[in-house]
Amino acid sequence: MAHHKSAKKRIRQTQKHRSYNRFYIRKLRTAIKDLYATTTKEEAEPKYRQIASLLDRLVRKNILHRNNADNKKSRLARFVNKLD
């Protein structure tokens, strides 16, 4: 176990950041599942805009890499555009 004061603080910070990151990633996965469950374009477009906004926020917070978020947005946009 850590013996230095700074190491103990770093452990606390890491646990806090990990819980935040897990929350946001779980929120993202749930939103993506909801989007894939939609069957009409009218339902999907507002959900896609919310997901794109969430992805941009996660990139700003350094939870996701920019390219990863762009790939997800591209894939979801193709799904939305294929809907009737």
PDB file of N, CA and C in Angstrom:
ATOM      1  N   MET A   1       0.837  -1.176   0.000  1.00  0.00           N
ATOM      2  CA  MET A   1       0.000   0.000   0.000  1.00  0.00           C
ATOM      3  C   MET A   1       0.885   1.244   0.000  1.00  0.00           C
ATOM      4  N   ALA A   2       0.315   2.361  -0.392  1.00  0.00           N
ATOM      5  CA  ALA A   2       1.087   3.600  -0.499  1.00  0.00           C
ATOM      6  C   ALA A   2       1.473   4.129   0.890  1.00  0.00           C
ATOM      7  N   HIS A   3       2.663   4.680   0.954  1.00  0.00           N
ATOM      8  CA  HIS A   3       3.138   5.218   2.220  1.00  0.00           C
ATOM      9  C   HIS A   3       3.279   6.731   2.169  1.00  0.00           C
ATOM     10  N   HIS A   4       3.436   7.290   0.982  1.00  0.00           N
ATOM     11  CA  HIS A   4       3.610   8.733   0.863  1.00  0.00           C
ATOM     12  C   HIS A   4       2.253   9.416   0.779  1.00  0.00           C
ATOM     13  N   LYS A   5       2.230  10.624   1.306  1.00  0.00           N
ATOM     14  CA  LYS A   5       1.000  11.396   1.299  1.00  0.00           C
ATOM     15  C   LYS A   5       0.524  11.643  -0.131  1.00  0.00           C
ATOM     16  N   SER A   6       1.443  11.953  -1.017  1.00  0.00           N
ATOM     17  CA  SER A   6       1.078  12.239  -2.412  1.00  0.00           C
ATOM     18  C   SER A   6       0.569  10.984  -3.116  1.00  0.00           C
ATOM     19  N   ALA A   7       1.108   9.831  -2.771  1.00  0.00           N
ATOM     20  CA  ALA A   7       0.648   8.585  -3.383  1.00  0.00           C
ATOM     21  C   ALA A   7      -0.767   8.249  -2.922  1.00  0.00           C
ATOM     22  N   LYS A   8      -1.053   8.517  -1.663  1.00  0.00           N
ATOM     23  CA  LYS A   8      -2.408   8.273  -1.146  1.00  0.00           C
ATOM     24  C   LYS A   8      -3.409   9.201  -1.837  1.00  0.00           C
ATOM     25  N   LYS A   9      -3.005  10.452  -2.034  1.00  0.00           N
ATOM     26  CA  LYS A   9      -3.871  11.400  -2.727  1.00  0.00           C
ATOM     27  C   LYS A   9      -4.104  10.953  -4.168  1.00  0.00           C
ATOM     28  N   ARG A  10      -3.056  10.488  -4.824  1.00  0.00           N
ATOM     29  CA  ARG A  10      -3.173  10.038  -6.209  1.00  0.00           C
ATOM     30  C   ARG A  10      -4.138   8.847  -6.306  1.00  0.00           C
ATOM     31  N   ILE A  11      -4.126   7.969  -5.331  1.00  0.00           N
ATOM     32  CA  ILE A  11      -5.051   6.832  -5.312  1.00  0.00           C
ATOM     33  C   ILE A  11      -6.487   7.332  -5.200  1.00  0.00           C
ATOM     34  N   ARG A  12      -6.713   8.307  -4.314  1.00  0.00           N
ATOM     35  CA  ARG A  12      -8.062   8.870  -4.185  1.00  0.00           C
ATOM     36  C   ARG A  12      -8.519   9.531  -5.480  1.00  0.00           C
ATOM     37  N   GLN A  13      -7.642  10.295  -6.109  1.00  0.00           N
ATOM     38  CA  GLN A  13      -7.993  10.970  -7.353  1.00  0.00           C
ATOM     39  C   GLN A  13      -8.304   9.969  -8.456  1.00  0.00           C
ATOM     40  N   THR A  14      -7.508   8.923  -8.530  1.00  0.00           N
ATOM     41  CA  THR A  14      -7.698   7.912  -9.566  1.00  0.00           C
ATOM     42  C   THR A  14      -9.041   7.223  -9.406  1.00  0.00           C
ATOM     43  N   GLN A  15      -9.403   6.890  -8.176  1.00  0.00           N
ATOM     44  CA  GLN A  15     -10.702   6.253  -7.933  1.00  0.00           C
ATOM     45  C   GLN A  15     -11.850   7.174  -8.343  1.00  0.00           C
ATOM     46  N   LYS A  16     -11.724   8.448  -8.020  1.00  0.00           N
ATOM     47  CA  LYS A  16     -12.759   9.421  -8.357  1.00  0.00           C
ATOM     48  C   LYS A  16     -12.896   9.561  -9.874  1.00  0.00           C
ATOM     49  N   HIS A  17     -11.778   9.724 -10.560  1.00  0.00           N
ATOM     50  CA  HIS A  17     -11.799   9.866 -12.014  1.00  0.00           C
ATOM     51  C   HIS A  17     -12.334   8.600 -12.676  1.00  0.00           C
ATOM     52  N   ARG A  18     -11.969   7.459 -12.154  1.00  0.00           N
ATOM     53  CA  ARG A  18     -12.425   6.196 -12.738  1.00  0.00           C
ATOM     54  C   ARG A  18     -13.942   6.071 -12.633  1.00  0.00           C
ATOM     55  N   SER A  19     -14.492   6.476 -11.495  1.00  0.00           N
ATOM     56  CA  SER A  19     -15.947   6.376 -11.343  1.00  0.00           C
ATOM     57  C   SER A  19     -16.659   7.352 -12.277  1.00  0.00           C
ATOM     58  N   TYR A  20     -16.120   8.572 -12.458  1.00  0.00           N
ATOM     59  CA  TYR A  20     -16.702   9.520 -13.408  1.00  0.00           C
ATOM     60  C   TYR A  20     -16.656   8.946 -14.823  1.00  0.00           C
ATOM     61  N   ASN A  21     -15.490   8.436 -15.204  1.00  0.00           N
ATOM     62  CA  ASN A  21     -15.317   7.910 -16.558  1.00  0.00           C
ATOM     63  C   ASN A  21     -16.256   6.744 -16.819  1.00  0.00           C
ATOM     64  N   ARG A  22     -16.376   5.845 -15.854  1.00  0.00           N
ATOM     65  CA  ARG A  22     -17.270   4.696 -16.014  1.00  0.00           C
ATOM     66  C   ARG A  22     -18.719   5.159 -16.153  1.00  0.00           C
ATOM     67  N   PHE A  23     -19.115   6.180 -15.406  1.00  0.00           N
ATOM     68  CA  PHE A  23     -20.472   6.710 -15.497  1.00  0.00           C
ATOM     69  C   PHE A  23     -20.752   7.235 -16.904  1.00  0.00           C
ATOM     70  N   TYR A  24     -19.832   8.043 -17.434  1.00  0.00           N
ATOM     71  CA  TYR A  24     -20.051   8.635 -18.751  1.00  0.00           C
ATOM     72  C   TYR A  24     -20.025   7.591 -19.864  1.00  0.00           C
ATOM     73  N   ILE A  25     -19.133   6.616 -19.771  1.00  0.00           N
ATOM     74  CA  ILE A  25     -19.078   5.567 -20.789  1.00  0.00           C
ATOM     75  C   ILE A  25     -20.346   4.730 -20.746  1.00  0.00           C
ATOM     76  N   ARG A  26     -20.848   4.419 -19.552  1.00  0.00           N
ATOM     77  CA  ARG A  26     -22.091   3.651 -19.414  1.00  0.00           C
ATOM     78  C   ARG A  26     -23.261   4.448 -19.993  1.00  0.00           C
ATOM     79  N   LYS A  27     -23.287   5.755 -19.721  1.00  0.00           N
ATOM     80  CA  LYS A  27     -24.333   6.622 -20.253  1.00  0.00           C
ATOM     81  C   LYS A  27     -24.302   6.616 -21.783  1.00  0.00           C
ATOM     82  N   LEU A  28     -23.108   6.670 -22.351  1.00  0.00           N
ATOM     83  CA  LEU A  28     -22.946   6.646 -23.803  1.00  0.00           C
ATOM     84  C   LEU A  28     -23.437   5.329 -24.391  1.00  0.00           C
ATOM     85  N   ARG A  29     -23.045   4.221 -23.796  1.00  0.00           N
ATOM     86  CA  ARG A  29     -23.449   2.907 -24.313  1.00  0.00           C
ATOM     87  C   ARG A  29     -24.963   2.740 -24.284  1.00  0.00           C
ATOM     88  N   THR A  30     -25.589   3.199 -23.217  1.00  0.00           N
ATOM     89  CA  THR A  30     -27.043   3.106 -23.105  1.00  0.00           C
ATOM     90  C   THR A  30     -27.714   3.947 -24.189  1.00  0.00           C
ATOM     91  N   ALA A  31     -27.197   5.148 -24.424  1.00  0.00           N
ATOM     92  CA  ALA A  31     -27.777   6.022 -25.443  1.00  0.00           C
ATOM     93  C   ALA A  31     -27.630   5.404 -26.833  1.00  0.00           C
ATOM     94  N   ILE A  32     -26.504   4.782 -27.099  1.00  0.00           N
ATOM     95  CA  ILE A  32     -26.279   4.149 -28.407  1.00  0.00           C
ATOM     96  C   ILE A  32     -27.238   2.970 -28.586  1.00  0.00           C
ATOM     97  N   LYS A  33     -27.440   2.188 -27.537  1.00  0.00           N
ATOM     98  CA  LYS A  33     -28.390   1.074 -27.617  1.00  0.00           C
ATOM     99  C   LYS A  33     -29.793   1.582 -27.894  1.00  0.00           C
ATOM    100  N   ASP A  34     -30.177   2.688 -27.255  1.00  0.00           N
ATOM    101  CA  ASP A  34     -31.493   3.273 -27.497  1.00  0.00           C
ATOM    102  C   ASP A  34     -31.633   3.729 -28.940  1.00  0.00           C
ATOM    103  N   LEU A  35     -30.561   4.293 -29.485  1.00  0.00           N
ATOM    104  CA  LEU A  35     -30.605   4.741 -30.875  1.00  0.00           C
ATOM    105  C   LEU A  35     -30.786   3.560 -31.822  1.00  0.00           C
ATOM    106  N   TYR A  36     -30.041   2.484 -31.603  1.00  0.00           N
ATOM    107  CA  TYR A  36     -30.159   1.307 -32.471  1.00  0.00           C
ATOM    108  C   TYR A  36     -31.531   0.644 -32.346  1.00  0.00           C
ATOM    109  N   ALA A  37     -32.231   0.890 -31.263  1.00  0.00           N
ATOM    110  CA  ALA A  37     -33.557   0.293 -31.072  1.00  0.00           C
ATOM    111  C   ALA A  37     -34.643   1.050 -31.827  1.00  0.00           C
ATOM    112  N   THR A  38     -34.339   2.260 -32.309  1.00  0.00           N
ATOM    113  CA  THR A  38     -35.352   3.044 -33.015  1.00  0.00           C
ATOM    114  C   THR A  38     -35.570   2.493 -34.418  1.00  0.00           C
ATOM    115  N   THR A  39     -36.773   2.729 -34.936  1.00  0.00           N
ATOM    116  CA  THR A  39     -37.106   2.204 -36.258  1.00  0.00           C
ATOM    117  C   THR A  39     -37.424   3.302 -37.265  1.00  0.00           C
ATOM    118  N   THR A  40     -37.644   4.538 -36.819  1.00  0.00           N
ATOM    119  CA  THR A  40     -37.949   5.614 -37.751  1.00  0.00           C
ATOM    120  C   THR A  40     -36.893   6.710 -37.663  1.00  0.00           C
ATOM    121  N   LYS A  41     -36.715   7.393 -38.766  1.00  0.00           N
ATOM    122  CA  LYS A  41     -35.721   8.453 -38.829  1.00  0.00           C
ATOM    123  C   LYS A  41     -36.109   9.629 -37.931  1.00  0.00           C
ATOM    124  N   GLU A  42     -37.411   9.886 -37.819  1.00  0.00           N
ATOM    125  CA  GLU A  42     -37.875  11.006 -36.989  1.00  0.00           C
ATOM    126  C   GLU A  42     -37.521  10.802 -35.513  1.00  0.00           C
ATOM    127  N   GLU A  43     -37.569   9.561 -35.064  1.00  0.00           N
ATOM    128  CA  GLU A  43     -37.182   9.257 -33.675  1.00  0.00           C
ATOM    129  C   GLU A  43     -35.667   9.297 -33.513  1.00  0.00           C
ATOM    130  N   ALA A  44     -34.961   8.851 -34.530  1.00  0.00           N
ATOM    131  CA  ALA A  44     -33.517   8.651 -34.415  1.00  0.00           C
ATOM    132  C   ALA A  44     -32.726   9.956 -34.475  1.00  0.00           C
ATOM    133  N   GLU A  45     -33.178  10.926 -35.255  1.00  0.00           N
ATOM    134  CA  GLU A  45     -32.376  12.135 -35.445  1.00  0.00           C
ATOM    135  C   GLU A  45     -32.128  12.920 -34.155  1.00  0.00           C
ATOM    136  N   PRO A  46     -33.152  13.150 -33.307  1.00  0.00           N
ATOM    137  CA  PRO A  46     -32.838  13.858 -32.046  1.00  0.00           C
ATOM    138  C   PRO A  46     -31.910  13.052 -31.133  1.00  0.00           C
ATOM    139  N   LYS A  47     -32.079  11.738 -31.133  1.00  0.00           N
ATOM    140  CA  LYS A  47     -31.197  10.902 -30.313  1.00  0.00           C
ATOM    141  C   LYS A  47     -29.764  10.967 -30.832  1.00  0.00           C
ATOM    142  N   TYR A  48     -29.625  10.986 -32.163  1.00  0.00           N
ATOM    143  CA  TYR A  48     -28.282  11.068 -32.747  1.00  0.00           C
ATOM    144  C   TYR A  48     -27.612  12.386 -32.356  1.00  0.00           C
ATOM    145  N   ARG A  49     -28.362  13.486 -32.387  1.00  0.00           N
ATOM    146  CA  ARG A  49     -27.795  14.790 -32.015  1.00  0.00           C
ATOM    147  C   ARG A  49     -27.338  14.793 -30.555  1.00  0.00           C
ATOM    148  N   GLN A  50     -28.120  14.162 -29.680  1.00  0.00           N
ATOM    149  CA  GLN A  50     -27.723  14.094 -28.270  1.00  0.00           C
ATOM    150  C   GLN A  50     -26.458  13.257 -28.097  1.00  0.00           C
ATOM    151  N   ILE A  51     -26.377  12.147 -28.824  1.00  0.00           N
ATOM    152  CA  ILE A  51     -25.195  11.286 -28.719  1.00  0.00           C
ATOM    153  C   ILE A  51     -23.963  11.998 -29.252  1.00  0.00           C
ATOM    154  N   ALA A  52     -24.113  12.703 -30.380  1.00  0.00           N
ATOM    155  CA  ALA A  52     -22.981  13.438 -30.948  1.00  0.00           C
ATOM    156  C   ALA A  52     -22.486  14.495 -29.959  1.00  0.00           C
ATOM    157  N   SER A  53     -23.415  15.169 -29.298  1.00  0.00           N
ATOM    158  CA  SER A  53     -23.051  16.168 -28.306  1.00  0.00           C
ATOM    159  C   SER A  53     -22.322  15.513 -27.132  1.00  0.00           C
ATOM    160  N   LEU A  54     -22.819  14.376 -26.680  1.00  0.00           N
ATOM    161  CA  LEU A  54     -22.183  13.654 -25.577  1.00  0.00           C
ATOM    162  C   LEU A  54     -20.777  13.202 -25.961  1.00  0.00           C
ATOM    163  N   LEU A  55     -20.618  12.718 -27.186  1.00  0.00           N
ATOM    164  CA  LEU A  55     -19.299  12.283 -27.652  1.00  0.00           C
ATOM    165  C   LEU A  55     -18.325  13.460 -27.661  1.00  0.00           C
ATOM    166  N   ASP A  56     -18.774  14.612 -28.141  1.00  0.00           N
ATOM    167  CA  ASP A  56     -17.902  15.791 -28.156  1.00  0.00           C
ATOM    168  C   ASP A  56     -17.501  16.199 -26.742  1.00  0.00           C
ATOM    169  N   ARG A  57     -18.446  16.086 -25.816  1.00  0.00           N
ATOM    170  CA  ARG A  57     -18.149  16.413 -24.418  1.00  0.00           C
ATOM    171  C   ARG A  57     -17.113  15.447 -23.847  1.00  0.00           C
ATOM    172  N   LEU A  58     -17.239  14.163 -24.170  1.00  0.00           N
ATOM    173  CA  LEU A  58     -16.289  13.173 -23.649  1.00  0.00           C
ATOM    174  C   LEU A  58     -14.897  13.398 -24.223  1.00  0.00           C
ATOM    175  N   VAL A  59     -14.827  13.878 -25.445  1.00  0.00           N
ATOM    176  CA  VAL A  59     -13.520  14.200 -26.031  1.00  0.00           C
ATOM    177  C   VAL A  59     -12.902  15.382 -25.288  1.00  0.00           C
ATOM    178  N   ARG A  60     -13.720  16.401 -24.998  1.00  0.00           N
ATOM    179  CA  ARG A  60     -13.208  17.565 -24.266  1.00  0.00           C
ATOM    180  C   ARG A  60     -12.715  17.187 -22.878  1.00  0.00           C
ATOM    181  N   LYS A  61     -13.367  16.194 -22.256  1.00  0.00           N
ATOM    182  CA  LYS A  61     -12.978  15.771 -20.908  1.00  0.00           C
ATOM    183  C   LYS A  61     -11.869  14.717 -20.929  1.00  0.00           C
ATOM    184  N   ASN A  62     -11.361  14.382 -22.116  1.00  0.00           N
ATOM    185  CA  ASN A  62     -10.297  13.390 -22.288  1.00  0.00           C
ATOM    186  C   ASN A  62     -10.716  12.003 -21.816  1.00  0.00           C
ATOM    187  N   ILE A  63     -11.994  11.684 -21.950  1.00  0.00           N
ATOM    188  CA  ILE A  63     -12.466  10.347 -21.631  1.00  0.00           C
ATOM    189  C   ILE A  63     -12.370   9.469 -22.865  1.00  0.00           C
ATOM    190  N   LEU A  64     -12.642  10.057 -24.023  1.00  0.00           N
ATOM    191  CA  LEU A  64     -12.520   9.357 -25.302  1.00  0.00           C
ATOM    192  C   LEU A  64     -11.514  10.087 -26.181  1.00  0.00           C
ATOM    193  N   HIS A  65     -10.870   9.340 -27.070  1.00  0.00           N
ATOM    194  CA  HIS A  65      -9.991   9.942 -28.067  1.00  0.00           C
ATOM    195  C   HIS A  65     -10.843  10.538 -29.186  1.00  0.00           C
ATOM    196  N   ARG A  66     -10.358  11.608 -29.774  1.00  0.00           N
ATOM    197  CA  ARG A  66     -11.096  12.305 -30.823  1.00  0.00           C
ATOM    198  C   ARG A  66     -11.461  11.384 -31.991  1.00  0.00           C
ATOM    199  N   ASN A  67     -10.513  10.559 -32.424  1.00  0.00           N
ATOM    200  CA  ASN A  67     -10.782   9.672 -33.553  1.00  0.00           C
ATOM    201  C   ASN A  67     -11.826   8.616 -33.205  1.00  0.00           C
ATOM    202  N   ASN A  68     -11.794   8.123 -31.977  1.00  0.00           N
ATOM    203  CA  ASN A  68     -12.774   7.136 -31.536  1.00  0.00           C
ATOM    204  C   ASN A  68     -14.171   7.737 -31.586  1.00  0.00           C
ATOM    205  N   ALA A  69     -14.316   8.965 -31.101  1.00  0.00           N
ATOM    206  CA  ALA A  69     -15.610   9.636 -31.110  1.00  0.00           C
ATOM    207  C   ALA A  69     -16.075   9.889 -32.539  1.00  0.00           C
ATOM    208  N   ASP A  70     -15.171  10.306 -33.411  1.00  0.00           N
ATOM    209  CA  ASP A  70     -15.531  10.552 -34.808  1.00  0.00           C
ATOM    210  C   ASP A  70     -15.990   9.274 -35.498  1.00  0.00           C
ATOM    211  N   ASN A  71     -15.315   8.174 -35.211  1.00  0.00           N
ATOM    212  CA  ASN A  71     -15.720   6.891 -35.798  1.00  0.00           C
ATOM    213  C   ASN A  71     -17.110   6.491 -35.328  1.00  0.00           C
ATOM    214  N   LYS A  72     -17.382   6.686 -34.039  1.00  0.00           N
ATOM    215  CA  LYS A  72     -18.712   6.358 -33.508  1.00  0.00           C
ATOM    216  C   LYS A  72     -19.786   7.232 -34.153  1.00  0.00           C
ATOM    217  N   LYS A  73     -19.509   8.533 -34.281  1.00  0.00           N
ATOM    218  CA  LYS A  73     -20.486   9.438 -34.895  1.00  0.00           C
ATOM    219  C   LYS A  73     -20.752   9.053 -36.347  1.00  0.00           C
ATOM    220  N   SER A  74     -19.701   8.687 -37.053  1.00  0.00           N
ATOM    221  CA  SER A  74     -19.850   8.313 -38.455  1.00  0.00           C
ATOM    222  C   SER A  74     -20.709   7.057 -38.591  1.00  0.00           C
ATOM    223  N   ARG A  75     -20.433   6.091 -37.765  1.00  0.00           N
ATOM    224  CA  ARG A  75     -21.186   4.838 -37.822  1.00  0.00           C
ATOM    225  C   ARG A  75     -22.661   5.059 -37.475  1.00  0.00           C
ATOM    226  N   LEU A  76     -22.911   5.866 -36.457  1.00  0.00           N
ATOM    227  CA  LEU A  76     -24.293   6.144 -36.061  1.00  0.00           C
ATOM    228  C   LEU A  76     -25.015   6.971 -37.133  1.00  0.00           C
ATOM    229  N   ALA A  77     -24.305   7.891 -37.774  1.00  0.00           N
ATOM    230  CA  ALA A  77     -24.919   8.695 -38.837  1.00  0.00           C
ATOM    231  C   ALA A  77     -25.326   7.805 -40.014  1.00  0.00           C
ATOM    232  N   ARG A  78     -24.486   6.828 -40.351  1.00  0.00           N
ATOM    233  CA  ARG A  78     -24.849   5.890 -41.423  1.00  0.00           C
ATOM    234  C   ARG A  78     -26.089   5.117 -41.049  1.00  0.00           C
ATOM    235  N   PHE A  79     -26.198   4.694 -39.795  1.00  0.00           N
ATOM    236  CA  PHE A  79     -27.378   3.966 -39.338  1.00  0.00           C
ATOM    237  C   PHE A  79     -28.636   4.828 -39.465  1.00  0.00           C
ATOM    238  N   VAL A  80     -28.537   6.086 -39.010  1.00  0.00           N
ATOM    239  CA  VAL A  80     -29.683   6.992 -39.045  1.00  0.00           C
ATOM    240  C   VAL A  80     -30.095   7.265 -40.497  1.00  0.00           C
ATOM    241  N   ASN A  81     -29.137   7.450 -41.373  1.00  0.00           N
ATOM    242  CA  ASN A  81     -29.450   7.764 -42.780  1.00  0.00           C
ATOM    243  C   ASN A  81     -30.075   6.573 -43.503  1.00  0.00           C
ATOM    244  N   LYS A  82     -29.813   5.362 -43.045  1.00  0.00           N
ATOM    245  CA  LYS A  82     -30.419   4.180 -43.683  1.00  0.00           C
ATOM    246  C   LYS A  82     -31.872   3.981 -43.288  1.00  0.00           C
ATOM    247  N   LEU A  83     -32.279   4.608 -42.185  1.00  0.00           N
ATOM    248  CA  LEU A  83     -33.660   4.440 -41.727  1.00  0.00           C
ATOM    249  C   LEU A  83     -34.630   5.113 -42.687  1.00  0.00           C
ATOM    250  N   ASP A  84     -35.857   4.618 -42.710  1.00  0.00           N
ATOM    251  CA  ASP A  84     -36.896   5.202 -43.582  1.00  0.00           C
ATOM    252  C   ASP A  84     -37.605   6.331 -42.895  1.00  0.00           C
TER     253      ASP A  84
END
